[in-house]
PDB file of N, CA and C in Angstrom:
ATOM      1  N   UNK A   1       0.783  -1.468   0.010  1.00  0.00           N
ATOM      2  CA  UNK A   1      -0.291  -0.001  -0.218  1.00  0.00           C
ATOM      3  C   UNK A   1       0.955   0.963   0.030  1.00  0.00           C
ATOM      4  N   UNK A   2       0.413   2.230  -0.966  1.00  0.00           N
ATOM      5  CA  UNK A   2       1.383   3.560  -0.844  1.00  0.00           C
ATOM      6  C   UNK A   2       1.387   4.066   0.257  1.00  0.00           C
ATOM      7  N   UNK A   3       2.485   4.352   0.986  1.00  0.00           N
ATOM      8  CA  UNK A   3       2.466   5.144   2.535  1.00  0.00           C
ATOM      9  C   UNK A   3       3.117   4.620   3.696  1.00  0.00           C
ATOM     10  N   UNK A   4       2.901   3.235   3.186  1.00  0.00           N
ATOM     11  CA  UNK A   4       3.183   2.312   4.418  1.00  0.00           C
ATOM     12  C   UNK A   4       4.735   2.643   5.110  1.00  0.00           C
ATOM     13  N   UNK A   5       5.355   3.187   4.660  1.00  0.00           N
ATOM     14  CA  UNK A   5       6.536   3.430   5.046  1.00  0.00           C
ATOM     15  C   UNK A   5       6.206   5.164   5.912  1.00  0.00           C
ATOM     16  N   UNK A   6       5.617   5.804   5.457  1.00  0.00           N
ATOM     17  CA  UNK A   6       5.233   7.006   6.400  1.00  0.00           C
ATOM     18  C   UNK A   6       4.203   6.796   7.855  1.00  0.00           C
ATOM     19  N   UNK A   7       3.734   5.032   7.596  1.00  0.00           N
ATOM     20  CA  UNK A   7       2.831   4.846   8.591  1.00  0.00           C
ATOM     21  C   UNK A   7       3.709   4.302   9.746  1.00  0.00           C
ATOM     22  N   UNK A   8       4.702   4.120   8.916  1.00  0.00           N
ATOM     23  CA  UNK A   8       5.863   2.876   9.935  1.00  0.00           C
ATOM     24  C   UNK A   8       6.585   3.652  10.445  1.00  0.00           C
ATOM     25  N   UNK A   9       6.756   5.279  10.003  1.00  0.00           N
ATOM     26  CA  UNK A   9       7.636   6.318  11.016  1.00  0.00           C
ATOM     27  C   UNK A   9       6.969   6.885  11.835  1.00  0.00           C
ATOM     28  N   UNK A  10       5.423   7.036  11.311  1.00  0.00           N
ATOM     29  CA  UNK A  10       4.689   7.697  12.449  1.00  0.00           C
ATOM     30  C   UNK A  10       4.565   6.460  13.956  1.00  0.00           C
ATOM     31  N   UNK A  11       4.513   5.471  13.760  1.00  0.00           N
ATOM     32  CA  UNK A  11       4.341   4.415  14.841  1.00  0.00           C
ATOM     33  C   UNK A  11       5.649   4.770  15.448  1.00  0.00           C
ATOM     34  N   UNK A  12       6.702   4.655  14.396  1.00  0.00           N
ATOM     35  CA  UNK A  12       7.620   4.505  15.533  1.00  0.00           C
ATOM     36  C   UNK A  12       8.149   6.167  16.257  1.00  0.00           C
ATOM     37  N   UNK A  13       7.763   6.790  15.585  1.00  0.00           N
ATOM     38  CA  UNK A  13       7.976   8.038  16.189  1.00  0.00           C
ATOM     39  C   UNK A  13       7.042   8.333  17.341  1.00  0.00           C
ATOM     40  N   UNK A  14       5.569   8.034  17.194  1.00  0.00           N
ATOM     41  CA  UNK A  14       4.887   7.853  18.630  1.00  0.00           C
ATOM     42  C   UNK A  14       5.705   7.335  19.743  1.00  0.00           C
ATOM     43  N   UNK A  15       5.676   5.757  19.400  1.00  0.00           N
ATOM     44  CA  UNK A  15       6.329   5.247  20.138  1.00  0.00           C
ATOM     45  C   UNK A  15       7.426   6.112  20.866  1.00  0.00           C
ATOM     46  N   UNK A  16       7.991   6.608  20.134  1.00  0.00           N
ATOM     47  CA  UNK A  16       9.549   7.428  20.894  1.00  0.00           C
ATOM     48  C   UNK A  16       8.890   8.399  21.097  1.00  0.00           C
ATOM     49  N   UNK A  17       8.074   8.837  21.156  1.00  0.00           N
ATOM     50  CA  UNK A  17       7.119  10.081  21.354  1.00  0.00           C
ATOM     51  C   UNK A  17       6.538   9.600  23.210  1.00  0.00           C
ATOM     52  N   UNK A  18       6.135   8.526  23.117  1.00  0.00           N
ATOM     53  CA  UNK A  18       5.797   7.970  24.759  1.00  0.00           C
ATOM     54  C   UNK A  18       6.660   7.855  25.548  1.00  0.00           C
ATOM     55  N   UNK A  19       7.782   6.735  24.960  1.00  0.00           N
ATOM     56  CA  UNK A  19       9.317   6.882  26.078  1.00  0.00           C
ATOM     57  C   UNK A  19       9.708   7.830  26.400  1.00  0.00           C
ATOM     58  N   UNK A  20       9.961   8.986  25.604  1.00  0.00           N
ATOM     59  CA  UNK A  20      10.574  10.204  26.180  1.00  0.00           C
ATOM     60  C   UNK A  20       9.980  11.142  26.981  1.00  0.00           C
ATOM     61  N   UNK A  21       8.453  10.718  27.426  1.00  0.00           N
ATOM     62  CA  UNK A  21       7.888  11.539  28.334  1.00  0.00           C
ATOM     63  C   UNK A  21       8.037  10.523  29.581  1.00  0.00           C
ATOM     64  N   UNK A  22       7.917   9.468  29.168  1.00  0.00           N
ATOM     65  CA  UNK A  22       8.325   8.705  30.615  1.00  0.00           C
ATOM     66  C   UNK A  22       9.780   8.902  31.560  1.00  0.00           C
ATOM     67  N   UNK A  23      10.754   8.988  30.256  1.00  0.00           N
ATOM     68  CA  UNK A  23      11.767   9.706  30.536  1.00  0.00           C
ATOM     69  C   UNK A  23      11.968  10.806  31.162  1.00  0.00           C
ATOM     70  N   UNK A  24      11.117  12.115  30.501  1.00  0.00           N
ATOM     71  CA  UNK A  24      11.174  13.415  31.202  1.00  0.00           C
ATOM     72  C   UNK A  24      10.587  13.228  32.353  1.00  0.00           C
ATOM     73  N   UNK A  25       9.479  12.134  32.688  1.00  0.00           N
ATOM     74  CA  UNK A  25       8.663  12.265  34.228  1.00  0.00           C
ATOM     75  C   UNK A  25      10.093  11.698  34.969  1.00  0.00           C
ATOM     76  N   UNK A  26      10.894  10.792  34.825  1.00  0.00           N
ATOM     77  CA  UNK A  26      11.561  10.412  35.653  1.00  0.00           C
ATOM     78  C   UNK A  26      13.038  10.994  35.872  1.00  0.00           C
ATOM     79  N   UNK A  27      13.167  12.102  35.004  1.00  0.00           N
ATOM     80  CA  UNK A  27      14.014  13.392  35.216  1.00  0.00           C
ATOM     81  C   UNK A  27      13.306  14.204  35.870  1.00  0.00           C
ATOM     82  N   UNK A  28      12.366  14.540  35.724  1.00  0.00           N
ATOM     83  CA  UNK A  28      11.903  15.506  36.812  1.00  0.00           C
ATOM     84  C   UNK A  28      11.779  14.991  38.364  1.00  0.00           C
ATOM     85  N   UNK A  29      11.368  13.886  38.365  1.00  0.00           N
ATOM     86  CA  UNK A  29      11.351  13.100  39.617  1.00  0.00           C
ATOM     87  C   UNK A  29      12.513  13.139  40.370  1.00  0.00           C
ATOM     88  N   UNK A  30      13.928  12.953  39.425  1.00  0.00           N
ATOM     89  CA  UNK A  30      15.244  12.382  40.182  1.00  0.00           C
ATOM     90  C   UNK A  30      16.130  13.705  40.016  1.00  0.00           C
ATOM     91  N   UNK A  31      15.293  14.819  39.371  1.00  0.00           N
ATOM     92  CA  UNK A  31      15.867  16.500  39.213  1.00  0.00           C
ATOM     93  C   UNK A  31      16.698  16.055  38.586  1.00  0.00           C
ATOM     94  N   UNK A  32      17.088  15.642  37.722  1.00  0.00           N
ATOM     95  CA  UNK A  32      18.403  15.468  36.831  1.00  0.00           C
ATOM     96  C   UNK A  32      18.478  16.489  35.775  1.00  0.00           C
ATOM     97  N   UNK A  33      19.312  16.791  35.725  1.00  0.00           N
ATOM     98  CA  UNK A  33      19.205  18.529  34.354  1.00  0.00           C
ATOM     99  C   UNK A  33      20.515  17.633  33.389  1.00  0.00           C
ATOM    100  N   UNK A  34      20.080  17.606  31.997  1.00  0.00           N
ATOM    101  CA  UNK A  34      20.517  16.884  31.071  1.00  0.00           C
ATOM    102  C   UNK A  34      21.592  18.302  30.653  1.00  0.00           C
ATOM    103  N   UNK A  35      22.809  17.686  29.889  1.00  0.00           N
ATOM    104  CA  UNK A  35      23.730  18.370  29.177  1.00  0.00           C
ATOM    105  C   UNK A  35      22.938  19.071  27.547  1.00  0.00           C
ATOM    106  N   UNK A  36      23.243  20.090  27.190  1.00  0.00           N
ATOM    107  CA  UNK A  36      22.396  20.543  26.127  1.00  0.00           C
ATOM    108  C   UNK A  36      22.392  19.740  24.881  1.00  0.00           C
ATOM    109  N   UNK A  37      22.950  18.654  24.640  1.00  0.00           N
ATOM    110  CA  UNK A  37      23.017  17.780  23.481  1.00  0.00           C
ATOM    111  C   UNK A  37      22.026  16.621  23.792  1.00  0.00           C
ATOM    112  N   UNK A  38      22.538  16.211  25.128  1.00  0.00           N
ATOM    113  CA  UNK A  38      21.235  15.255  25.479  1.00  0.00           C
ATOM    114  C   UNK A  38      19.853  15.769  25.984  1.00  0.00           C
ATOM    115  N   UNK A  39      20.050  17.018  26.286  1.00  0.00           N
ATOM    116  CA  UNK A  39      18.569  17.782  26.402  1.00  0.00           C
ATOM    117  C   UNK A  39      17.721  17.844  24.943  1.00  0.00           C
ATOM    118  N   UNK A  40      18.454  18.338  24.156  1.00  0.00           N
ATOM    119  CA  UNK A  40      17.944  18.238  22.640  1.00  0.00           C
ATOM    120  C   UNK A  40      17.623  16.978  21.854  1.00  0.00           C
ATOM    121  N   UNK A  41      18.510  15.945  22.455  1.00  0.00           N
ATOM    122  CA  UNK A  41      18.261  15.078  21.928  1.00  0.00           C
ATOM    123  C   UNK A  41      16.821  14.331  22.309  1.00  0.00           C
ATOM    124  N   UNK A  42      16.483  14.470  23.591  1.00  0.00           N
ATOM    125  CA  UNK A  42      15.505  14.504  24.498  1.00  0.00           C
ATOM    126  C   UNK A  42      13.966  15.172  23.728  1.00  0.00           C
ATOM    127  N   UNK A  43      14.737  16.463  24.024  1.00  0.00           N
ATOM    128  CA  UNK A  43      13.660  17.276  23.392  1.00  0.00           C
ATOM    129  C   UNK A  43      12.561  16.586  22.247  1.00  0.00           C
ATOM    130  N   UNK A  44      13.705  16.582  20.856  1.00  0.00           N
ATOM    131  CA  UNK A  44      13.479  16.203  19.730  1.00  0.00           C
ATOM    132  C   UNK A  44      11.470  14.851  19.935  1.00  0.00           C
ATOM    133  N   UNK A  45      12.369  13.971  21.043  1.00  0.00           N
ATOM    134  CA  UNK A  45      11.074  13.080  21.078  1.00  0.00           C
ATOM    135  C   UNK A  45      10.073  13.449  21.675  1.00  0.00           C
ATOM    136  N   UNK A  46      10.174  14.541  23.113  1.00  0.00           N
ATOM    137  CA  UNK A  46       9.480  14.950  23.711  1.00  0.00           C
ATOM    138  C   UNK A  46       8.199  15.819  23.384  1.00  0.00           C
ATOM    139  N   UNK A  47       8.769  16.638  22.621  1.00  0.00           N
ATOM    140  CA  UNK A  47       8.314  17.252  21.330  1.00  0.00           C
ATOM    141  C   UNK A  47       7.066  16.951  20.289  1.00  0.00           C
ATOM    142  N   UNK A  48       7.163  15.391  20.276  1.00  0.00           N
ATOM    143  CA  UNK A  48       6.663  14.889  19.135  1.00  0.00           C
ATOM    144  C   UNK A  48       7.788  14.979  17.546  1.00  0.00           C
ATOM    145  N   UNK A  49       8.309  15.507  17.755  1.00  0.00           N
ATOM    146  CA  UNK A  49       8.514  15.862  16.569  1.00  0.00           C
ATOM    147  C   UNK A  49       8.639  14.923  14.970  1.00  0.00           C
ATOM    148  N   UNK A  50       9.011  13.296  15.485  1.00  0.00           N
ATOM    149  CA  UNK A  50       9.137  12.389  14.498  1.00  0.00           C
ATOM    150  C   UNK A  50       7.744  12.265  14.330  1.00  0.00           C
ATOM    151  N   UNK A  51       6.828  11.865  15.033  1.00  0.00           N
ATOM    152  CA  UNK A  51       5.603  11.678  14.471  1.00  0.00           C
ATOM    153  C   UNK A  51       5.171  12.817  13.945  1.00  0.00           C
ATOM    154  N   UNK A  52       5.163  14.317  14.110  1.00  0.00           N
ATOM    155  CA  UNK A  52       4.398  15.304  13.543  1.00  0.00           C
ATOM    156  C   UNK A  52       5.286  15.325  12.309  1.00  0.00           C
ATOM    157  N   UNK A  53       6.554  15.276  12.119  1.00  0.00           N
ATOM    158  CA  UNK A  53       7.504  15.168  10.855  1.00  0.00           C
ATOM    159  C   UNK A  53       7.085  14.196   9.566  1.00  0.00           C
ATOM    160  N   UNK A  54       6.618  12.827  10.234  1.00  0.00           N
ATOM    161  CA  UNK A  54       6.144  11.950   9.548  1.00  0.00           C
ATOM    162  C   UNK A  54       4.713  11.913   8.379  1.00  0.00           C
ATOM    163  N   UNK A  55       3.914  13.225   9.313  1.00  0.00           N
ATOM    164  CA  UNK A  55       2.423  13.925   8.764  1.00  0.00           C
ATOM    165  C   UNK A  55       3.277  14.178   7.266  1.00  0.00           C
ATOM    166  N   UNK A  56       4.426  14.994   7.182  1.00  0.00           N
ATOM    167  CA  UNK A  56       4.336  15.652   5.899  1.00  0.00           C
ATOM    168  C   UNK A  56       4.551  15.142   4.876  1.00  0.00           C
ATOM    169  N   UNK A  57       4.994  13.731   5.186  1.00  0.00           N
ATOM    170  CA  UNK A  57       5.225  13.080   3.884  1.00  0.00           C
ATOM    171  C   UNK A  57       4.208  11.809   3.508  1.00  0.00           C
ATOM    172  N   UNK A  58       3.223  12.106   4.493  1.00  0.00           N
ATOM    173  CA  UNK A  58       1.819  11.252   4.175  1.00  0.00           C
ATOM    174  C   UNK A  58       0.965  11.279   2.700  1.00  0.00           C
ATOM    175  N   UNK A  59       0.593  10.462   2.188  1.00  0.00           N
ATOM    176  CA  UNK A  59       0.206  11.043   0.555  1.00  0.00           C
ATOM    177  C   UNK A  59       0.818  10.917  -0.468  1.00  0.00           C
ATOM    178  N   UNK A  60       2.336  11.048   0.014  1.00  0.00           N
ATOM    179  CA  UNK A  60       3.442  11.148  -1.095  1.00  0.00           C
ATOM    180  C   UNK A  60       3.660  10.233  -1.636  1.00  0.00           C
ATOM    181  N   UNK A  61       3.353   8.777  -1.082  1.00  0.00           N
ATOM    182  CA  UNK A  61       4.141   7.245  -1.490  1.00  0.00           C
ATOM    183  C   UNK A  61       5.477   7.329  -1.454  1.00  0.00           C
ATOM    184  N   UNK A  62       6.073   7.947  -0.575  1.00  0.00           N
ATOM    185  CA  UNK A  62       7.589   7.705  -0.500  1.00  0.00           C
ATOM    186  C   UNK A  62       8.335   6.773  -0.052  1.00  0.00           C
ATOM    187  N   UNK A  63       8.927   5.616  -0.864  1.00  0.00           N
ATOM    188  CA  UNK A  63       9.478   4.403  -0.575  1.00  0.00           C
ATOM    189  C   UNK A  63      10.293   4.699   0.580  1.00  0.00           C
ATOM    190  N   UNK A  64      10.879   3.474   1.473  1.00  0.00           N
ATOM    191  CA  UNK A  64      11.278   3.441   2.535  1.00  0.00           C
ATOM    192  C   UNK A  64      12.942   4.328   2.030  1.00  0.00           C
ATOM    193  N   UNK A  65      13.357   3.728   1.103  1.00  0.00           N
ATOM    194  CA  UNK A  65      14.699   4.078   0.679  1.00  0.00           C
ATOM    195  C   UNK A  65      15.097   5.554   0.528  1.00  0.00           C
ATOM    196  N   UNK A  66      13.835   6.099   0.041  1.00  0.00           N
ATOM    197  CA  UNK A  66      13.911   7.917   0.363  1.00  0.00           C
ATOM    198  C   UNK A  66      13.899   8.250   1.490  1.00  0.00           C
ATOM    199  N   UNK A  67      12.861   7.701   2.731  1.00  0.00           N
ATOM    200  CA  UNK A  67      12.889   7.870   3.886  1.00  0.00           C
ATOM    201  C   UNK A  67      13.776   7.938   4.844  1.00  0.00           C
ATOM    202  N   UNK A  68      14.481   6.890   4.402  1.00  0.00           N
ATOM    203  CA  UNK A  68      15.944   6.938   4.998  1.00  0.00           C
ATOM    204  C   UNK A  68      17.322   6.831   4.649  1.00  0.00           C
ATOM    205  N   UNK A  69      17.268   7.762   3.653  1.00  0.00           N
ATOM    206  CA  UNK A  69      18.394   8.311   2.862  1.00  0.00           C
ATOM    207  C   UNK A  69      19.060   9.165   3.698  1.00  0.00           C
ATOM    208  N   UNK A  70      20.399   9.034   3.819  1.00  0.00           N
ATOM    209  CA  UNK A  70      21.124   9.844   4.796  1.00  0.00           C
ATOM    210  C   UNK A  70      20.560  11.192   4.637  1.00  0.00           C
ATOM    211  N   UNK A  71      20.520  11.888   3.332  1.00  0.00           N
ATOM    212  CA  UNK A  71      19.941  13.628   3.122  1.00  0.00           C
ATOM    213  C   UNK A  71      18.866  13.636   3.779  1.00  0.00           C
ATOM    214  N   UNK A  72      17.955  12.969   3.754  1.00  0.00           N
ATOM    215  CA  UNK A  72      16.558  13.238   3.963  1.00  0.00           C
ATOM    216  C   UNK A  72      16.498  12.921   5.550  1.00  0.00           C
ATOM    217  N   UNK A  73      17.383  12.172   6.382  1.00  0.00           N
ATOM    218  CA  UNK A  73      17.515  11.884   7.834  1.00  0.00           C
ATOM    219  C   UNK A  73      18.266  13.122   8.358  1.00  0.00           C
ATOM    220  N   UNK A  74      19.351  13.537   7.150  1.00  0.00           N
ATOM    221  CA  UNK A  74      19.943  14.771   8.267  1.00  0.00           C
ATOM    222  C   UNK A  74      18.449  15.957   7.967  1.00  0.00           C
ATOM    223  N   UNK A  75      18.239  16.198   6.635  1.00  0.00           N
ATOM    224  CA  UNK A  75      17.398  17.301   6.628  1.00  0.00           C
ATOM    225  C   UNK A  75      16.261  17.060   7.512  1.00  0.00           C
ATOM    226  N   UNK A  76      15.525  16.113   8.052  1.00  0.00           N
ATOM    227  CA  UNK A  76      14.359  15.791   8.849  1.00  0.00           C
ATOM    228  C   UNK A  76      15.234  16.183  10.436  1.00  0.00           C
ATOM    229  N   UNK A  77      16.446  15.946  10.644  1.00  0.00           N
ATOM    230  CA  UNK A  77      16.951  15.730  12.138  1.00  0.00           C
ATOM    231  C   UNK A  77      17.104  17.807  12.310  1.00  0.00           C
ATOM    232  N   UNK A  78      17.272  18.577  11.000  1.00  0.00           N
ATOM    233  CA  UNK A  78      17.562  19.928  11.120  1.00  0.00           C
ATOM    234  C   UNK A  78      16.402  20.257  11.464  1.00  0.00           C
ATOM    235  N   UNK A  79      15.237  20.301  11.172  1.00  0.00           N
ATOM    236  CA  UNK A  79      14.092  20.653  11.004  1.00  0.00           C
ATOM    237  C   UNK A  79      13.714  20.163  12.243  1.00  0.00           C
ATOM    238  N   UNK A  80      13.430  19.368  12.552  1.00  0.00           N
ATOM    239  CA  UNK A  80      13.193  18.701  14.172  1.00  0.00           C
ATOM    240  C   UNK A  80      14.165  19.737  15.463  1.00  0.00           C
ATOM    241  N   UNK A  81      15.400  19.819  14.798  1.00  0.00           N
ATOM    242  CA  UNK A  81      15.702  20.832  15.987  1.00  0.00           C
ATOM    243  C   UNK A  81      15.376  21.935  16.171  1.00  0.00           C
ATOM    244  N   UNK A  82      15.042  22.504  14.712  1.00  0.00           N
ATOM    245  CA  UNK A  82      14.453  23.688  14.593  1.00  0.00           C
ATOM    246  C   UNK A  82      13.131  24.147  15.232  1.00  0.00           C
ATOM    247  N   UNK A  83      12.679  22.681  15.427  1.00  0.00           N
ATOM    248  CA  UNK A  83      11.025  23.070  15.775  1.00  0.00           C
ATOM    249  C   UNK A  83      11.534  23.317  17.153  1.00  0.00           C
ATOM    250  N   UNK A  84      12.009  22.198  17.739  1.00  0.00           N
ATOM    251  CA  UNK A  84      12.359  22.008  19.214  1.00  0.00           C
ATOM    252  C   UNK A  84      12.796  23.007  19.451  1.00  0.00           C
ATOM    253  N   UNK A  85      13.510  24.092  19.574  1.00  0.00           N
ATOM    254  CA  UNK A  85      14.282  25.550  19.756  1.00  0.00           C
ATOM    255  C   UNK A  85      13.428  26.477  19.659  1.00  0.00           C
ATOM    256  N   UNK A  86      12.628  26.690  18.485  1.00  0.00           N
ATOM    257  CA  UNK A  86      11.402  27.582  18.457  1.00  0.00           C
ATOM    258  C   UNK A  86      10.794  27.635  19.557  1.00  0.00           C
ATOM    259  N   UNK A  87      10.710  26.186  19.911  1.00  0.00           N
ATOM    260  CA  UNK A  87       8.928  25.977  20.725  1.00  0.00           C
ATOM    261  C   UNK A  87       9.311  25.596  22.209  1.00  0.00           C
ATOM    262  N   UNK A  88      10.350  26.160  22.440  1.00  0.00           N
ATOM    263  CA  UNK A  88      10.947  25.795  24.309  1.00  0.00           C
ATOM    264  C   UNK A  88      10.224  26.799  24.684  1.00  0.00           C
ATOM    265  N   UNK A  89       9.515  26.429  25.926  1.00  0.00           N
ATOM    266  CA  UNK A  89       8.568  27.246  26.895  1.00  0.00           C
ATOM    267  C   UNK A  89       9.164  27.454  28.400  1.00  0.00           C
TER     268      UNK A  89
END
């Protein structure tokens, strides 16, 4: 079915989001303060960026080899970082 790769990416992204929410709660409970790189890595997930970004490719029918191409991965990661940085409250 066209878009299966996008659905898979959404499911993986939503799973990462849920796991990160648990991690964030544990961090708050233990008063853990993360280094900037660790914070950004977790923030990408707590923001739900992976799941959100997967919506951009729905309906395009992109195959997995396009979605997982290193250039696409780098561009997606940069977009997720930008979204996280501008949305910090």
